[in-house]
Amino acid sequence: MSARQAIAEWNGALVTGSGTIELATSGQGQFPYSLPARAADAATMTSPEELLAAAYASCYAMQLTALLDAGPDDPVGLHVEVVVTQGGPEVDFGIADVALTVRGRGIGRSAEEFVELAQQAAQVCPVGRALATVPKTVDAALQN
């Protein structure tokens, strides 16, 4: 399998400094980050948690699609949202929770089967496995 690279640059002290995160392999961009922006509710910059949420959402969508075993002409549609919450001192400022919401359209499975496969995908996708020690919730439902 292929390897992917990101580069982080940081300048200054923790509280007053800032940096950029570059998606080096794809060249899709550079994104500013800082501790104050990371801790703010209305973030104006990205954060490690947002990047982790993006990685998990995209990995999960591909994994669930594989588990659904949809054919090439099946009109499967998934909407996946992931919220990664950084905790406080009670978890050494680590990841406290990951909440995953998925809605499926054109699935061709019962609601019960969809929920079961959605739960399984959360555990077996590579990013989900990397987050094995973090509490996760999955809210899965079919849409018309």
Protein backbone atom coordinates (compact mmCIF):
# COMPACT_ATOMS: atom_id res chain seq x y z
CA MET A 1 0.00 0.00 0.00
CA SER A 2 1.07 3.56 -0.48
CA ALA A 3 2.27 5.99 2.16
CA ARG A 4 0.90 9.50 2.64
CA GLN A 5 2.75 12.52 4.00
CA ALA A 6 1.72 15.66 5.84
CA ILE A 7 4.12 18.32 7.07
CA ALA A 8 3.60 20.56 10.09
CA GLU A 9 5.58 23.73 10.64
CA TRP A 10 5.42 25.60 13.97
CA ASN A 11 6.84 28.97 15.01
CA GLY A 12 6.81 30.54 18.45
CA ALA A 13 5.68 29.60 21.93
CA LEU A 14 2.71 27.27 22.45
CA VAL A 15 0.21 29.94 23.50
CA THR A 16 1.27 32.69 21.09
CA GLY A 17 2.73 30.72 18.21
CA SER A 18 1.14 29.26 15.12
CA GLY A 19 1.94 27.00 12.24
CA THR A 20 0.83 25.45 8.98
CA ILE A 21 -0.13 21.92 8.09
CA GLU A 22 0.61 20.90 4.51
CA LEU A 23 -1.01 17.97 2.75
CA ALA A 24 2.27 17.13 1.07
CA THR A 25 1.39 13.99 -0.88
CA SER A 26 -1.67 15.37 -2.64
CA GLY A 27 -0.60 19.00 -2.70
CA GLN A 28 -4.18 19.94 -1.82
CA GLY A 29 -3.18 22.79 0.39
CA GLN A 30 -1.64 24.33 3.46
CA PHE A 31 -3.77 25.12 6.49
CA PRO A 32 -2.94 27.41 9.42
CA TYR A 33 -3.32 26.20 13.01
CA SER A 34 -2.68 27.49 16.53
CA LEU A 35 -3.49 26.60 20.12
CA PRO A 36 -5.99 29.46 20.60
CA ALA A 37 -7.81 28.46 17.39
CA ARG A 38 -7.73 24.81 18.46
CA ALA A 39 -9.37 25.62 21.78
CA ALA A 40 -11.96 28.05 20.37
CA ASP A 41 -15.55 27.03 19.70
CA ALA A 42 -15.68 29.15 16.53
CA ALA A 43 -12.47 27.97 14.89
CA THR A 44 -10.93 30.14 12.20
CA MET A 45 -8.10 27.70 11.52
CA THR A 46 -7.92 23.94 11.27
CA SER A 47 -6.83 21.65 14.09
CA PRO A 48 -5.49 18.14 14.52
CA GLU A 49 -8.99 17.11 15.64
CA GLU A 50 -10.60 18.47 12.47
CA LEU A 51 -8.04 16.69 10.30
CA LEU A 52 -8.63 13.47 12.25
CA ALA A 53 -12.39 13.88 11.76
CA ALA A 54 -11.86 14.33 8.01
CA ALA A 55 -9.65 11.24 7.84
CA TYR A 56 -12.15 9.12 9.76
CA ALA A 57 -15.18 10.35 7.78
CA SER A 58 -13.61 9.56 4.41
CA CYS A 59 -12.16 6.21 5.51
CA TYR A 60 -15.47 5.22 7.11
CA ALA A 61 -17.50 6.10 4.00
CA MET A 62 -15.30 3.86 1.85
CA GLN A 63 -15.36 1.03 4.42
CA LEU A 64 -19.15 1.09 4.79
CA THR A 65 -19.57 1.12 1.01
CA ALA A 66 -17.37 -1.99 0.81
CA LEU A 67 -19.37 -3.75 3.54
CA LEU A 68 -22.64 -2.90 1.79
CA ASP A 69 -21.20 -4.71 -1.26
CA ALA A 70 -23.00 -2.39 -3.65
CA GLY A 71 -22.73 -3.13 -7.34
CA PRO A 72 -21.23 -0.61 -9.76
CA ASP A 73 -24.69 0.53 -10.89
CA ASP A 74 -26.29 0.74 -7.42
CA PRO A 75 -27.31 4.31 -6.53
CA VAL A 76 -25.76 4.19 -3.06
CA GLY A 77 -25.34 7.52 -1.31
CA LEU A 78 -23.80 8.11 2.11
CA HIS A 79 -23.60 11.30 4.15
CA VAL A 80 -21.04 10.93 6.95
CA GLU A 81 -20.31 13.46 9.68
CA VAL A 82 -17.62 12.93 12.31
CA VAL A 83 -17.10 15.10 15.38
CA VAL A 84 -13.83 14.62 17.25
CA THR A 85 -13.83 16.17 20.73
CA GLN A 86 -10.64 17.06 22.53
CA GLY A 87 -10.94 16.47 26.25
CA GLY A 88 -9.60 18.38 29.18
CA PRO A 89 -7.27 17.41 31.98
CA GLU A 90 -9.38 14.35 32.81
CA VAL A 91 -8.01 12.70 29.63
CA ASP A 92 -4.68 14.56 29.53
CA PHE A 93 -6.13 16.79 26.79
CA GLY A 94 -6.40 13.77 24.52
CA ILE A 95 -9.29 12.74 22.30
CA ALA A 96 -12.28 12.34 24.60
CA ASP A 97 -14.92 11.22 22.12
CA VAL A 98 -15.65 10.54 18.48
CA ALA A 99 -19.27 10.87 17.32
CA LEU A 100 -20.08 9.49 13.89
CA THR A 101 -23.38 10.13 12.09
CA VAL A 102 -24.18 8.37 8.83
CA ARG A 103 -27.24 8.58 6.63
CA GLY A 104 -27.69 6.21 3.71
CA ARG A 105 -29.75 6.45 0.52
CA GLY A 106 -30.40 3.80 -2.12
CA ILE A 107 -28.83 1.12 0.05
CA GLY A 108 -31.00 -1.91 -0.79
CA ARG A 109 -30.75 -3.26 2.78
CA SER A 110 -33.11 -3.24 5.75
CA ALA A 111 -32.65 -0.52 8.35
CA GLU A 112 -31.43 -3.15 10.81
CA GLU A 113 -28.83 -4.49 8.38
CA PHE A 114 -27.67 -0.97 7.60
CA VAL A 115 -27.21 -0.11 11.28
CA GLU A 116 -25.31 -3.37 11.89
CA LEU A 117 -22.96 -2.75 8.95
CA ALA A 118 -22.54 0.90 9.98
CA GLN A 119 -21.42 -0.21 13.45
CA GLN A 120 -19.05 -2.78 11.94
CA ALA A 121 -17.52 -0.22 9.55
CA ALA A 122 -16.71 2.07 12.48
CA GLN A 123 -14.59 -0.68 14.02
CA VAL A 124 -12.85 -2.13 10.97
CA CYS A 125 -11.91 0.88 8.85
CA PRO A 126 -8.18 1.60 9.25
CA VAL A 127 -8.67 5.02 10.88
CA GLY A 128 -11.30 3.54 13.20
CA ARG A 129 -8.81 0.87 14.25
CA ALA A 130 -6.23 3.58 14.94
CA LEU A 131 -8.82 5.16 17.27
CA ALA A 132 -9.54 1.87 19.04
CA THR A 133 -8.94 3.28 22.53
CA VAL A 134 -11.23 6.29 22.02
CA PRO A 135 -14.94 6.08 22.95
CA LYS A 136 -17.06 6.16 19.78
CA THR A 137 -20.77 6.53 19.08
CA VAL A 138 -22.42 5.71 15.75
CA ASP A 139 -25.81 7.11 14.74
CA ALA A 140 -26.90 5.32 11.57
CA ALA A 141 -30.17 5.57 9.66
CA LEU A 142 -31.56 5.16 6.17
CA GLN A 143 -33.12 8.08 4.31
CA ASN A 144 -35.73 7.96 1.59
